[in-house]
């Protein structure tokens, strides 16, 4: 099944033609030396490869909504875990 990509609404030609001086940075605070002294690189945890059996309808549904259906399934499962943990407290 070929996946359809949604057409972006971003005007890339306009963005590419902009000069740095034309970009409004007023809502971004200055990063001072203190910020960089405390900055840490946080890398995402690598994912674990697993084999899981799912209903065909589940796979079809997720694939029809995103080219990154495995990431979407992971996000749904993570959200489920978070909701269950919140309910326990």
PDB file of N, CA and C in Angstrom:
ATOM      1  N   UNK A   1       0.847  -1.177   0.000  1.00  0.00           N
ATOM      2  CA  UNK A   1       0.000   0.000   0.000  1.00  0.00           C
ATOM      3  C   UNK A   1       0.893   1.240   0.000  1.00  0.00           C
ATOM      4  N   UNK A   2       0.740   2.089  -0.992  1.00  0.00           N
ATOM      5  CA  UNK A   2       1.525   3.316  -1.056  1.00  0.00           C
ATOM      6  C   UNK A   2       0.894   4.353  -0.132  1.00  0.00           C
ATOM      7  N   UNK A   3       1.740   5.010   0.648  1.00  0.00           N
ATOM      8  CA  UNK A   3       1.240   5.976   1.617  1.00  0.00           C
ATOM      9  C   UNK A   3       1.180   7.359   0.990  1.00  0.00           C
ATOM     10  N   UNK A   4       0.104   8.062   1.270  1.00  0.00           N
ATOM     11  CA  UNK A   4      -0.046   9.425   0.772  1.00  0.00           C
ATOM     12  C   UNK A   4       0.574  10.397   1.755  1.00  0.00           C
ATOM     13  N   UNK A   5       1.311  11.335   1.230  1.00  0.00           N
ATOM     14  CA  UNK A   5       1.867  12.385   2.087  1.00  0.00           C
ATOM     15  C   UNK A   5       0.999  13.620   1.938  1.00  0.00           C
ATOM     16  N   UNK A   6       0.737  14.251   3.056  1.00  0.00           N
ATOM     17  CA  UNK A   6      -0.034  15.485   3.013  1.00  0.00           C
ATOM     18  C   UNK A   6       0.832  16.592   2.459  1.00  0.00           C
ATOM     19  N   UNK A   7       0.241  17.442   1.639  1.00  0.00           N
ATOM     20  CA  UNK A   7       0.974  18.560   1.083  1.00  0.00           C
ATOM     21  C   UNK A   7       1.159  19.613   2.164  1.00  0.00           C
ATOM     22  N   UNK A   8       2.377  20.101   2.283  1.00  0.00           N
ATOM     23  CA  UNK A   8       2.689  21.099   3.289  1.00  0.00           C
ATOM     24  C   UNK A   8       2.037  22.430   2.929  1.00  0.00           C
ATOM     25  N   UNK A   9       1.597  23.145   3.947  1.00  0.00           N
ATOM     26  CA  UNK A   9       1.026  24.475   3.741  1.00  0.00           C
ATOM     27  C   UNK A   9       2.084  25.563   3.908  1.00  0.00           C
ATOM     28  N   UNK A  10       3.321  25.138   4.168  1.00  0.00           N
ATOM     29  CA  UNK A  10       4.417  26.083   4.354  1.00  0.00           C
ATOM     30  C   UNK A  10       4.850  26.660   3.018  1.00  0.00           C
ATOM     31  N   UNK A  11       5.052  27.945   2.980  1.00  0.00           N
ATOM     32  CA  UNK A  11       5.526  28.625   1.770  1.00  0.00           C
ATOM     33  C   UNK A  11       7.056  28.619   1.780  1.00  0.00           C
ATOM     34  N   UNK A  12       7.634  27.505   1.342  1.00  0.00           N
ATOM     35  CA  UNK A  12       9.079  27.345   1.410  1.00  0.00           C
ATOM     36  C   UNK A  12       9.825  28.345   0.532  1.00  0.00           C
ATOM     37  N   UNK A  13       9.266  28.707  -0.601  1.00  0.00           N
ATOM     38  CA  UNK A  13       9.935  29.688  -1.470  1.00  0.00           C
ATOM     39  C   UNK A  13      10.091  31.020  -0.742  1.00  0.00           C
ATOM     40  N   UNK A  14       9.048  31.440  -0.042  1.00  0.00           N
ATOM     41  CA  UNK A  14       9.105  32.698   0.708  1.00  0.00           C
ATOM     42  C   UNK A  14      10.135  32.594   1.829  1.00  0.00           C
ATOM     43  N   UNK A  15      10.129  31.482   2.535  1.00  0.00           N
ATOM     44  CA  UNK A  15      11.068  31.306   3.641  1.00  0.00           C
ATOM     45  C   UNK A  15      12.508  31.282   3.122  1.00  0.00           C
ATOM     46  N   UNK A  16      12.741  30.552   2.050  1.00  0.00           N
ATOM     47  CA  UNK A  16      14.093  30.470   1.486  1.00  0.00           C
ATOM     48  C   UNK A  16      14.601  31.818   0.996  1.00  0.00           C
ATOM     49  N   UNK A  17      13.700  32.678   0.573  1.00  0.00           N
ATOM     50  CA  UNK A  17      14.120  33.977   0.059  1.00  0.00           C
ATOM     51  C   UNK A  17      14.330  35.012   1.165  1.00  0.00           C
ATOM     52  N   UNK A  18      13.936  34.696   2.403  1.00  0.00           N
ATOM     53  CA  UNK A  18      14.071  35.655   3.501  1.00  0.00           C
ATOM     54  C   UNK A  18      15.530  35.822   3.905  1.00  0.00           C
ATOM     55  N   UNK A  19      15.879  37.024   4.278  1.00  0.00           N
ATOM     56  CA  UNK A  19      17.197  37.333   4.833  1.00  0.00           C
ATOM     57  C   UNK A  19      17.092  37.221   6.352  1.00  0.00           C
ATOM     58  N   UNK A  20      18.214  36.980   7.016  1.00  0.00           N
ATOM     59  CA  UNK A  20      18.200  36.878   8.482  1.00  0.00           C
ATOM     60  C   UNK A  20      17.602  38.120   9.130  1.00  0.00           C
ATOM     61  N   UNK A  21      17.888  39.286   8.566  1.00  0.00           N
ATOM     62  CA  UNK A  21      17.390  40.537   9.152  1.00  0.00           C
ATOM     63  C   UNK A  21      15.865  40.649   9.073  1.00  0.00           C
ATOM     64  N   UNK A  22      15.235  39.854   8.205  1.00  0.00           N
ATOM     65  CA  UNK A  22      13.774  39.893   8.051  1.00  0.00           C
ATOM     66  C   UNK A  22      13.044  38.970   9.031  1.00  0.00           C
ATOM     67  N   UNK A  23      13.796  38.176   9.769  1.00  0.00           N
ATOM     68  CA  UNK A  23      13.181  37.216  10.696  1.00  0.00           C
ATOM     69  C   UNK A  23      12.997  37.872  12.058  1.00  0.00           C
ATOM     70  N   UNK A  24      11.788  37.742  12.607  1.00  0.00           N
ATOM     71  CA  UNK A  24      11.462  38.320  13.910  1.00  0.00           C
ATOM     72  C   UNK A  24      11.858  37.338  15.013  1.00  0.00           C
ATOM     73  N   UNK A  25      12.912  37.672  15.741  1.00  0.00           N
ATOM     74  CA  UNK A  25      13.390  36.838  16.845  1.00  0.00           C
ATOM     75  C   UNK A  25      12.957  37.389  18.206  1.00  0.00           C
ATOM     76  N   UNK A  26      12.060  38.352  18.231  1.00  0.00           N
ATOM     77  CA  UNK A  26      11.729  39.055  19.470  1.00  0.00           C
ATOM     78  C   UNK A  26      11.137  38.147  20.555  1.00  0.00           C
ATOM     79  N   UNK A  27      10.547  37.024  20.169  1.00  0.00           N
ATOM     80  CA  UNK A  27       9.949  36.151  21.175  1.00  0.00           C
ATOM     81  C   UNK A  27      10.923  35.082  21.671  1.00  0.00           C
ATOM     82  N   UNK A  28      12.175  35.160  21.261  1.00  0.00           N
ATOM     83  CA  UNK A  28      13.188  34.209  21.696  1.00  0.00           C
ATOM     84  C   UNK A  28      14.173  34.935  22.607  1.00  0.00           C
ATOM     85  N   UNK A  29      14.292  34.466  23.835  1.00  0.00           N
ATOM     86  CA  UNK A  29      15.199  35.105  24.782  1.00  0.00           C
ATOM     87  C   UNK A  29      16.663  34.889  24.404  1.00  0.00           C
ATOM     88  N   UNK A  30      17.527  35.755  24.896  1.00  0.00           N
ATOM     89  CA  UNK A  30      18.960  35.631  24.650  1.00  0.00           C
ATOM     90  C   UNK A  30      19.526  34.484  25.481  1.00  0.00           C
ATOM     91  N   UNK A  31      20.428  33.728  24.911  1.00  0.00           N
ATOM     92  CA  UNK A  31      21.091  32.648  25.633  1.00  0.00           C
ATOM     93  C   UNK A  31      22.445  33.163  26.093  1.00  0.00           C
ATOM     94  N   UNK A  32      22.557  33.346  27.418  1.00  0.00           N
ATOM     95  CA  UNK A  32      23.797  33.910  27.968  1.00  0.00           C
ATOM     96  C   UNK A  32      24.786  32.805  28.354  1.00  0.00           C
ATOM     97  N   UNK A  33      25.947  33.209  28.861  1.00  0.00           N
ATOM     98  CA  UNK A  33      26.986  32.253  29.235  1.00  0.00           C
ATOM     99  C   UNK A  33      26.506  31.292  30.322  1.00  0.00           C
ATOM    100  N   UNK A  34      25.656  31.765  31.230  1.00  0.00           N
ATOM    101  CA  UNK A  34      25.127  30.915  32.295  1.00  0.00           C
ATOM    102  C   UNK A  34      24.302  29.763  31.707  1.00  0.00           C
ATOM    103  N   UNK A  35      23.503  30.081  30.702  1.00  0.00           N
ATOM    104  CA  UNK A  35      22.704  29.037  30.046  1.00  0.00           C
ATOM    105  C   UNK A  35      23.623  27.950  29.490  1.00  0.00           C
ATOM    106  N   UNK A  36      24.657  28.362  28.753  1.00  0.00           N
ATOM    107  CA  UNK A  36      25.551  27.394  28.116  1.00  0.00           C
ATOM    108  C   UNK A  36      26.392  26.638  29.147  1.00  0.00           C
ATOM    109  N   UNK A  37      26.670  27.249  30.294  1.00  0.00           N
ATOM    110  CA  UNK A  37      27.432  26.561  31.340  1.00  0.00           C
ATOM    111  C   UNK A  37      26.608  25.423  31.945  1.00  0.00           C
ATOM    112  N   UNK A  38      25.284  25.590  31.980  1.00  0.00           N
ATOM    113  CA  UNK A  38      24.400  24.579  32.563  1.00  0.00           C
ATOM    114  C   UNK A  38      23.780  23.645  31.531  1.00  0.00           C
ATOM    115  N   UNK A  39      23.985  23.932  30.255  1.00  0.00           N
ATOM    116  CA  UNK A  39      23.348  23.146  29.192  1.00  0.00           C
ATOM    117  C   UNK A  39      23.847  21.702  29.184  1.00  0.00           C
ATOM    118  N   UNK A  40      22.939  20.773  28.925  1.00  0.00           N
ATOM    119  CA  UNK A  40      23.281  19.354  28.841  1.00  0.00           C
ATOM    120  C   UNK A  40      22.717  18.802  27.541  1.00  0.00           C
ATOM    121  N   UNK A  41      23.456  17.907  26.948  1.00  0.00           N
ATOM    122  CA  UNK A  41      22.946  17.201  25.766  1.00  0.00           C
ATOM    123  C   UNK A  41      22.140  16.017  26.269  1.00  0.00           C
ATOM    124  N   UNK A  42      20.892  15.942  25.853  1.00  0.00           N
ATOM    125  CA  UNK A  42      20.019  14.842  26.244  1.00  0.00           C
ATOM    126  C   UNK A  42      19.634  14.094  24.977  1.00  0.00           C
ATOM    127  N   UNK A  43      20.139  12.887  24.851  1.00  0.00           N
ATOM    128  CA  UNK A  43      19.843  12.068  23.681  1.00  0.00           C
ATOM    129  C   UNK A  43      18.669  11.149  23.991  1.00  0.00           C
ATOM    130  N   UNK A  44      17.813  10.908  23.014  1.00  0.00           N
ATOM    131  CA  UNK A  44      16.686  10.002  23.261  1.00  0.00           C
ATOM    132  C   UNK A  44      17.196   8.580  23.460  1.00  0.00           C
ATOM    133  N   UNK A  45      16.470   7.831  24.268  1.00  0.00           N
ATOM    134  CA  UNK A  45      16.846   6.438  24.478  1.00  0.00           C
ATOM    135  C   UNK A  45      16.598   5.666  23.186  1.00  0.00           C
ATOM    136  N   UNK A  46      17.506   4.752  22.855  1.00  0.00           N
ATOM    137  CA  UNK A  46      17.263   3.948  21.656  1.00  0.00           C
ATOM    138  C   UNK A  46      16.056   3.041  21.874  1.00  0.00           C
ATOM    139  N   UNK A  47      15.331   2.795  20.820  1.00  0.00           N
ATOM    140  CA  UNK A  47      14.160   1.930  20.914  1.00  0.00           C
ATOM    141  C   UNK A  47      14.598   0.469  20.845  1.00  0.00           C
ATOM    142  N   UNK A  48      13.761  -0.388  21.383  1.00  0.00           N
ATOM    143  CA  UNK A  48      14.030  -1.819  21.406  1.00  0.00           C
ATOM    144  C   UNK A  48      13.231  -2.471  20.286  1.00  0.00           C
ATOM    145  N   UNK A  49      13.891  -3.290  19.490  1.00  0.00           N
ATOM    146  CA  UNK A  49      13.206  -4.007  18.414  1.00  0.00           C
ATOM    147  C   UNK A  49      12.447  -5.182  19.016  1.00  0.00           C
ATOM    148  N   UNK A  50      11.152  -5.269  18.706  1.00  0.00           N
ATOM    149  CA  UNK A  50      10.317  -6.369  19.191  1.00  0.00           C
ATOM    150  C   UNK A  50       9.460  -6.894  18.045  1.00  0.00           C
ATOM    151  N   UNK A  51       8.941  -8.071  18.248  1.00  0.00           N
ATOM    152  CA  UNK A  51       7.954  -8.623  17.328  1.00  0.00           C
ATOM    153  C   UNK A  51       6.644  -8.675  18.086  1.00  0.00           C
ATOM    154  N   UNK A  52       5.599  -8.154  17.476  1.00  0.00           N
ATOM    155  CA  UNK A  52       4.292  -8.119  18.130  1.00  0.00           C
ATOM    156  C   UNK A  52       3.231  -8.484  17.096  1.00  0.00           C
ATOM    157  N   UNK A  53       2.256  -9.210  17.528  1.00  0.00           N
ATOM    158  CA  UNK A  53       1.162  -9.601  16.633  1.00  0.00           C
ATOM    159  C   UNK A  53      -0.011  -8.660  16.885  1.00  0.00           C
ATOM    160  N   UNK A  54      -0.441  -8.008  15.817  1.00  0.00           N
ATOM    161  CA  UNK A  54      -1.562  -7.075  15.902  1.00  0.00           C
ATOM    162  C   UNK A  54      -2.609  -7.446  14.861  1.00  0.00           C
ATOM    163  N   UNK A  55      -3.842  -7.062  15.121  1.00  0.00           N
ATOM    164  CA  UNK A  55      -4.901  -7.289  14.139  1.00  0.00           C
ATOM    165  C   UNK A  55      -4.592  -6.526  12.859  1.00  0.00           C
ATOM    166  N   UNK A  56      -4.899  -7.107  11.717  1.00  0.00           N
ATOM    167  CA  UNK A  56      -4.649  -6.408  10.450  1.00  0.00           C
ATOM    168  C   UNK A  56      -5.314  -5.025  10.389  1.00  0.00           C
ATOM    169  N   UNK A  57      -6.503  -4.920  10.980  1.00  0.00           N
ATOM    170  CA  UNK A  57      -7.217  -3.637  10.963  1.00  0.00           C
ATOM    171  C   UNK A  57      -6.448  -2.558  11.715  1.00  0.00           C
ATOM    172  N   UNK A  58      -5.747  -2.966  12.774  1.00  0.00           N
ATOM    173  CA  UNK A  58      -4.960  -2.008  13.553  1.00  0.00           C
ATOM    174  C   UNK A  58      -3.827  -1.458  12.692  1.00  0.00           C
ATOM    175  N   UNK A  59      -3.110  -2.344  12.017  1.00  0.00           N
ATOM    176  CA  UNK A  59      -2.001  -1.907  11.164  1.00  0.00           C
ATOM    177  C   UNK A  59      -2.501  -1.045  10.021  1.00  0.00           C
ATOM    178  N   UNK A  60      -3.564  -1.454   9.367  1.00  0.00           N
ATOM    179  CA  UNK A  60      -4.117  -0.673   8.251  1.00  0.00           C
ATOM    180  C   UNK A  60      -4.501   0.722   8.725  1.00  0.00           C
ATOM    181  N   UNK A  61      -5.139   0.807   9.896  1.00  0.00           N
ATOM    182  CA  UNK A  61      -5.576   2.106  10.406  1.00  0.00           C
ATOM    183  C   UNK A  61      -4.380   3.014  10.672  1.00  0.00           C
ATOM    184  N   UNK A  62      -3.360   2.506  11.359  1.00  0.00           N
ATOM    185  CA  UNK A  62      -2.189   3.328  11.664  1.00  0.00           C
ATOM    186  C   UNK A  62      -1.423   3.705  10.399  1.00  0.00           C
ATOM    187  N   UNK A  63      -1.260   2.780   9.487  1.00  0.00           N
ATOM    188  CA  UNK A  63      -0.541   3.077   8.246  1.00  0.00           C
ATOM    189  C   UNK A  63      -1.274   4.114   7.407  1.00  0.00           C
ATOM    190  N   UNK A  64      -2.591   4.130   7.479  1.00  0.00           N
ATOM    191  CA  UNK A  64      -3.369   5.082   6.671  1.00  0.00           C
ATOM    192  C   UNK A  64      -3.268   6.507   7.203  1.00  0.00           C
ATOM    193  N   UNK A  65      -2.774   6.679   8.411  1.00  0.00           N
ATOM    194  CA  UNK A  65      -2.704   8.001   9.012  1.00  0.00           C
ATOM    195  C   UNK A  65      -1.304   8.591   9.052  1.00  0.00           C
ATOM    196  N   UNK A  66      -0.298   7.781   8.857  1.00  0.00           N
ATOM    197  CA  UNK A  66       1.053   8.311   8.986  1.00  0.00           C
ATOM    198  C   UNK A  66       2.048   7.367   8.343  1.00  0.00           C
ATOM    199  N   UNK A  67       3.052   7.939   7.705  1.00  0.00           N
ATOM    200  CA  UNK A  67       4.134   7.136   7.189  1.00  0.00           C
ATOM    201  C   UNK A  67       4.975   6.562   8.313  1.00  0.00           C
ATOM    202  N   UNK A  68       4.842   7.131   9.489  1.00  0.00           N
ATOM    203  CA  UNK A  68       5.607   6.691  10.653  1.00  0.00           C
ATOM    204  C   UNK A  68       4.672   5.963  11.614  1.00  0.00           C
ATOM    205  N   UNK A  69       4.032   4.923  11.101  1.00  0.00           N
ATOM    206  CA  UNK A  69       2.999   4.263  11.889  1.00  0.00           C
ATOM    207  C   UNK A  69       3.557   3.593  13.141  1.00  0.00           C
ATOM    208  N   UNK A  70       4.790   3.090  13.093  1.00  0.00           N
ATOM    209  CA  UNK A  70       5.354   2.450  14.280  1.00  0.00           C
ATOM    210  C   UNK A  70       5.592   3.468  15.386  1.00  0.00           C
ATOM    211  N   UNK A  71       6.045   4.654  15.010  1.00  0.00           N
ATOM    212  CA  UNK A  71       6.219   5.729  15.986  1.00  0.00           C
ATOM    213  C   UNK A  71       4.876   6.129  16.575  1.00  0.00           C
ATOM    214  N   UNK A  72       3.854   6.182  15.736  1.00  0.00           N
ATOM    215  CA  UNK A  72       2.522   6.547  16.217  1.00  0.00           C
ATOM    216  C   UNK A  72       1.995   5.489  17.189  1.00  0.00           C
ATOM    217  N   UNK A  73       2.180   4.212  16.887  1.00  0.00           N
ATOM    218  CA  UNK A  73       1.760   3.149  17.803  1.00  0.00           C
ATOM    219  C   UNK A  73       2.502   3.285  19.129  1.00  0.00           C
ATOM    220  N   UNK A  74       3.801   3.563  19.068  1.00  0.00           N
ATOM    221  CA  UNK A  74       4.597   3.757  20.284  1.00  0.00           C
ATOM    222  C   UNK A  74       4.048   4.923  21.109  1.00  0.00           C
ATOM    223  N   UNK A  75       3.690   6.010  20.445  1.00  0.00           N
ATOM    224  CA  UNK A  75       3.154   7.186  21.132  1.00  0.00           C
ATOM    225  C   UNK A  75       1.829   6.872  21.803  1.00  0.00           C
ATOM    226  N   UNK A  76       0.973   6.121  21.126  1.00  0.00           N
ATOM    227  CA  UNK A  76      -0.317   5.740  21.709  1.00  0.00           C
ATOM    228  C   UNK A  76      -0.098   4.866  22.946  1.00  0.00           C
ATOM    229  N   UNK A  77       0.819   3.917  22.847  1.00  0.00           N
ATOM    230  CA  UNK A  77       1.094   3.049  23.999  1.00  0.00           C
ATOM    231  C   UNK A  77       1.694   3.834  25.161  1.00  0.00           C
ATOM    232  N   UNK A  78       2.596   4.774  24.870  1.00  0.00           N
ATOM    233  CA  UNK A  78       3.186   5.608  25.920  1.00  0.00           C
ATOM    234  C   UNK A  78       2.099   6.446  26.600  1.00  0.00           C
ATOM    235  N   UNK A  79       1.184   6.984  25.810  1.00  0.00           N
ATOM    236  CA  UNK A  79       0.086   7.777  26.355  1.00  0.00           C
ATOM    237  C   UNK A  79      -0.812   6.921  27.254  1.00  0.00           C
ATOM    238  N   UNK A  80      -1.053   5.693  26.851  1.00  0.00           N
ATOM    239  CA  UNK A  80      -1.852   4.767  27.645  1.00  0.00           C
ATOM    240  C   UNK A  80      -1.191   4.520  29.009  1.00  0.00           C
ATOM    241  N   UNK A  81       0.123   4.287  28.984  1.00  0.00           N
ATOM    242  CA  UNK A  81       0.863   4.058  30.233  1.00  0.00           C
ATOM    243  C   UNK A  81       0.770   5.272  31.144  1.00  0.00           C
ATOM    244  N   UNK A  82       0.965   6.459  30.576  1.00  0.00           N
ATOM    245  CA  UNK A  82       0.899   7.702  31.357  1.00  0.00           C
ATOM    246  C   UNK A  82      -0.482   7.860  31.998  1.00  0.00           C
ATOM    247  N   UNK A  83      -1.533   7.588  31.235  1.00  0.00           N
ATOM    248  CA  UNK A  83      -2.899   7.720  31.759  1.00  0.00           C
ATOM    249  C   UNK A  83      -3.142   6.728  32.896  1.00  0.00           C
ATOM    250  N   UNK A  84      -2.640   5.504  32.746  1.00  0.00           N
ATOM    251  CA  UNK A  84      -2.811   4.505  33.804  1.00  0.00           C
ATOM    252  C   UNK A  84      -2.052   4.904  35.068  1.00  0.00           C
ATOM    253  N   UNK A  85      -0.842   5.441  34.897  1.00  0.00           N
ATOM    254  CA  UNK A  85      -0.054   5.873  36.062  1.00  0.00           C
ATOM    255  C   UNK A  85      -0.743   7.022  36.772  1.00  0.00           C
ATOM    256  N   UNK A  86      -1.291   7.974  36.017  1.00  0.00           N
ATOM    257  CA  UNK A  86      -1.980   9.120  36.625  1.00  0.00           C
ATOM    258  C   UNK A  86      -3.215   8.666  37.395  1.00  0.00           C
ATOM    259  N   UNK A  87      -3.892   7.664  36.873  1.00  0.00           N
ATOM    260  CA  UNK A  87      -5.098   7.158  37.527  1.00  0.00           C
ATOM    261  C   UNK A  87      -4.766   6.463  38.846  1.00  0.00           C
ATOM    262  N   UNK A  88      -3.554   5.878  38.946  1.00  0.00           N
ATOM    263  CA  UNK A  88      -3.138   5.189  40.156  1.00  0.00           C
ATOM    264  C   UNK A  88      -2.815   6.149  41.286  1.00  0.00           C
ATOM    265  N   UNK A  89      -2.464   7.375  40.962  1.00  0.00           N
ATOM    266  CA  UNK A  89      -2.048   8.343  41.998  1.00  0.00           C
ATOM    267  C   UNK A  89      -3.171   9.185  42.457  1.00  0.00           C
TER     268      UNK A  89
END
